[in-house]
C-alpha cells in the first residue's frame, strides 16, 4: 500500500538514497519492525516509473518486498518514515490482514500512519493526522465513500495513541487490528 504523495522535483540521487537506507536500517524503530518480518525484502528503485506518485509501497506475491522510490524521497527522514510505514503494512500482511479488504487496509493505514508519519504529534492532533492520512491512502485503492466509511469504522480499534517505543511495541505486539468482515 502506498505512502504519501510527493513531487518528483525533490528526489534523492542513488548515492544519497543508498546512504539514507543504510541509516534507516540502523534506526531502532525500523530495526525492531523488520526483525519481526519473515521473507520481506527492501528494494531501492532509483527511478520509479514516470507518473508514479508514491514514495514507497508494499508489493506482495509473487515476492513480498518493500519498494522505495529514490526519485520521490526528499531526505533521510522521508526515507526512514516511508520504510517504517511500509514495514508496518508488511507486518500486518504477514500476520494475516487482507490488504485487499477495505476495512483491513484502512486499519493497516491507520496503524502505519500512527507509528510513522504522525509519530510525535500530541493527542488529539495525532488522531486527526492519522485519520486524514489513512483516508487519503485508502481512497487510492477503494474510492472516497468506501475509504471514508472504513477509516471511520477502524479508527478506534486500530489507532495507536502512544508515541515512541511504546507505540511500536503495540504495533508489532498484538493482533494488528484484524477485523471480522
Protein backbone atom coordinates (compact mmCIF):
# COMPACT_ATOMS: atom_id res chain seq x y z
CA UNK A 1 0.00 0.00 0.00
CA UNK A 2 1.30 3.43 -0.83
CA UNK A 3 2.97 6.07 1.30
CA UNK A 4 2.20 9.76 0.82
CA UNK A 5 2.45 11.65 -2.45
CA UNK A 6 5.39 13.91 -3.14
CA UNK A 7 6.54 15.98 -6.04
CA UNK A 8 9.29 14.36 -8.10
CA UNK A 9 11.17 17.69 -8.09
CA UNK A 10 12.72 16.85 -4.73
CA UNK A 11 14.03 13.32 -5.25
CA UNK A 12 17.26 11.85 -3.96
CA UNK A 13 20.04 10.55 -6.18
CA UNK A 14 21.14 6.92 -5.92
CA UNK A 15 24.12 7.61 -3.65
CA UNK A 16 22.12 9.75 -1.19
CA UNK A 17 19.27 7.26 -1.22
CA UNK A 18 21.55 4.29 -0.56
CA UNK A 19 23.21 6.11 2.35
CA UNK A 20 19.80 7.12 3.75
CA UNK A 21 18.67 3.48 3.57
CA UNK A 22 21.79 2.33 5.44
CA UNK A 23 21.00 4.86 8.19
CA UNK A 24 17.30 3.94 8.29
CA UNK A 25 18.09 0.24 8.63
CA UNK A 26 20.12 1.09 11.76
CA UNK A 27 17.31 3.13 13.33
CA UNK A 28 15.83 1.39 16.36
CA UNK A 29 12.25 1.77 15.08
CA UNK A 30 12.88 0.28 11.65
CA UNK A 31 15.19 -2.38 13.03
CA UNK A 32 12.56 -3.52 15.53
CA UNK A 33 9.79 -3.89 12.96
CA UNK A 34 11.98 -5.51 10.31
CA UNK A 35 13.26 -8.02 12.87
CA UNK A 36 9.69 -9.30 13.20
CA UNK A 37 9.25 -9.84 9.47
CA UNK A 38 9.91 -13.06 7.59
CA UNK A 39 10.80 -13.17 3.91
CA UNK A 40 10.30 -9.49 3.14
CA UNK A 41 12.89 -7.71 1.03
CA UNK A 42 13.56 -3.98 0.84
CA UNK A 43 14.38 -2.74 -2.67
CA UNK A 44 15.54 0.71 -3.65
CA UNK A 45 14.24 1.76 -7.02
CA UNK A 46 16.37 4.69 -8.12
CA UNK A 47 13.89 5.98 -10.67
CA UNK A 48 10.30 4.81 -10.25
CA UNK A 49 8.21 4.85 -13.42
CA UNK A 50 7.07 8.15 -14.88
CA UNK A 51 3.75 9.08 -13.33
CA UNK A 52 4.40 7.16 -10.08
CA UNK A 53 3.42 9.41 -7.19
CA UNK A 54 4.13 7.13 -4.22
CA UNK A 55 7.30 7.35 -2.14
CA UNK A 56 7.08 3.66 -1.46
CA UNK A 57 4.75 0.68 -1.43
CA UNK A 58 4.43 -2.92 -0.33
CA UNK A 59 4.35 -5.38 -3.18
CA UNK A 60 3.02 -8.81 -2.28
CA UNK A 61 3.18 -12.07 -4.20
CA UNK A 62 4.94 -13.27 -6.18
CA UNK A 63 7.53 -11.99 -3.64
CA UNK A 64 6.90 -9.75 -0.68
CA UNK A 65 9.00 -6.63 -0.99
CA UNK A 66 9.01 -3.03 0.10
CA UNK A 67 9.81 -0.72 -2.80
CA UNK A 68 11.28 2.71 -2.05
CA UNK A 69 11.36 5.25 -4.89
CA UNK A 70 14.52 7.34 -4.51
CA UNK A 71 13.35 9.90 -7.02
CA UNK A 72 10.31 10.62 -4.84
CA UNK A 73 12.01 10.69 -1.43
CA UNK A 74 13.18 14.09 -0.23
CA UNK A 75 15.69 13.25 2.51
CA UNK A 76 16.82 10.72 5.12
CA UNK A 77 13.76 11.35 7.30
CA UNK A 78 11.28 10.76 4.46
CA UNK A 79 13.03 7.51 3.53
CA UNK A 80 13.03 6.28 7.14
CA UNK A 81 9.38 7.25 7.65
CA UNK A 82 8.34 5.57 4.39
CA UNK A 83 10.30 2.41 5.22
CA UNK A 84 8.72 2.25 8.69
CA UNK A 85 5.23 2.87 7.25
CA UNK A 86 5.59 0.11 4.65
CA UNK A 87 7.18 -2.23 7.21
CA UNK A 88 4.03 -1.98 9.35
CA UNK A 89 1.96 -2.93 6.28
CA UNK A 90 4.32 -5.88 5.68
CA UNK A 91 3.92 -6.96 9.30
CA UNK A 92 0.13 -6.67 9.10
CA UNK A 93 0.13 -8.70 5.87
CA UNK A 94 2.38 -11.33 7.45
CA UNK A 95 0.04 -11.57 10.44
CA UNK A 96 -2.96 -12.26 8.22
CA UNK A 97 -4.53 -8.90 7.45
CA UNK A 98 -6.05 -8.98 3.97
CA UNK A 99 -4.90 -5.68 2.48
CA UNK A 100 -7.40 -6.13 -0.37
CA UNK A 101 -10.23 -5.88 2.20
CA UNK A 102 -11.18 -2.20 2.63
CA UNK A 103 -11.65 -2.43 6.41
CA UNK A 104 -8.39 -4.27 6.97
CA UNK A 105 -6.45 -1.94 4.67
CA UNK A 106 -7.94 1.06 6.50
CA UNK A 107 -6.79 -0.46 9.79
CA UNK A 108 -3.29 -1.07 8.45
CA UNK A 109 -3.14 2.50 7.09
CA UNK A 110 -4.16 3.89 10.49
CA UNK A 111 -1.54 1.75 12.23
CA UNK A 112 1.19 2.66 9.72
CA UNK A 113 0.49 6.37 9.97
CA UNK A 114 0.30 6.12 13.77
CA UNK A 115 3.88 4.92 14.12
CA UNK A 116 5.49 6.60 11.11
CA UNK A 117 4.03 9.72 9.51
CA UNK A 118 2.08 11.03 12.52
CA UNK A 119 4.56 9.88 15.19
CA UNK A 120 5.27 12.52 17.80
CA UNK A 121 2.08 14.53 17.43
CA UNK A 122 0.26 15.12 20.73
CA UNK A 123 -3.32 13.93 21.18
CA UNK A 124 -5.72 14.92 19.53
CA UNK A 125 -3.56 16.12 16.62
CA UNK A 126 -2.12 12.63 16.14
CA UNK A 127 -5.61 11.20 15.73
CA UNK A 128 -6.55 13.86 13.18
CA UNK A 129 -3.29 13.29 11.28
CA UNK A 130 -3.81 9.50 11.18
CA UNK A 131 -7.43 9.72 10.11
CA UNK A 132 -6.68 12.13 7.27
CA UNK A 133 -3.61 10.31 6.01
CA UNK A 134 -5.24 6.88 6.27
CA UNK A 135 -8.25 8.18 4.34
CA UNK A 136 -6.01 9.62 1.63
CA UNK A 137 -4.15 6.31 1.27
CA UNK A 138 -7.25 4.08 1.37
CA UNK A 139 -9.01 6.32 -1.14
CA UNK A 140 -6.40 5.41 -3.76
CA UNK A 141 -7.49 1.77 -3.55
CA UNK A 142 -11.20 1.91 -2.81
CA UNK A 143 -12.59 5.33 -3.69
CA UNK A 144 -13.80 8.16 -1.46
CA UNK A 145 -17.00 6.73 0.03
CA UNK A 146 -15.65 3.27 0.92
CA UNK A 147 -12.37 4.69 2.23
CA UNK A 148 -14.10 7.22 4.47
CA UNK A 149 -16.52 4.65 5.93
CA UNK A 150 -13.74 2.12 6.56
CA UNK A 151 -11.30 4.58 8.12
CA UNK A 152 -14.01 5.95 10.42
CA UNK A 153 -15.09 2.41 11.38
CA UNK A 154 -11.49 1.33 12.09
CA UNK A 155 -10.09 4.36 13.94
CA UNK A 156 -10.96 3.31 17.48
CA UNK A 157 -9.67 -0.25 17.18
CA UNK A 158 -6.57 0.49 15.10
CA UNK A 159 -5.29 3.89 16.19
CA UNK A 160 -2.06 3.76 18.22
CA UNK A 161 -2.06 6.79 20.51
CA UNK A 162 1.28 6.02 22.14
CA UNK A 163 4.43 7.53 20.66
CA UNK A 164 7.95 6.16 20.60
CA UNK A 165 8.87 2.67 21.74
CA UNK A 166 5.53 2.10 23.46
CA UNK A 167 3.67 2.74 20.18
CA UNK A 168 5.98 0.45 18.23
CA UNK A 169 5.60 -2.29 20.84
CA UNK A 170 1.85 -2.02 20.45
CA UNK A 171 2.08 -2.01 16.64
CA UNK A 172 4.01 -5.25 16.33
CA UNK A 173 2.96 -6.98 19.52
CA UNK A 174 -0.78 -7.50 19.17
CA UNK A 175 -3.28 -8.97 16.75
CA UNK A 176 -2.68 -5.99 14.44
CA UNK A 177 -6.32 -4.99 14.15
CA UNK A 178 -7.86 -8.00 12.42
CA UNK A 179 -11.49 -7.39 11.59
CA UNK A 180 -14.39 -9.78 11.40
CA UNK A 181 -15.61 -8.63 7.99
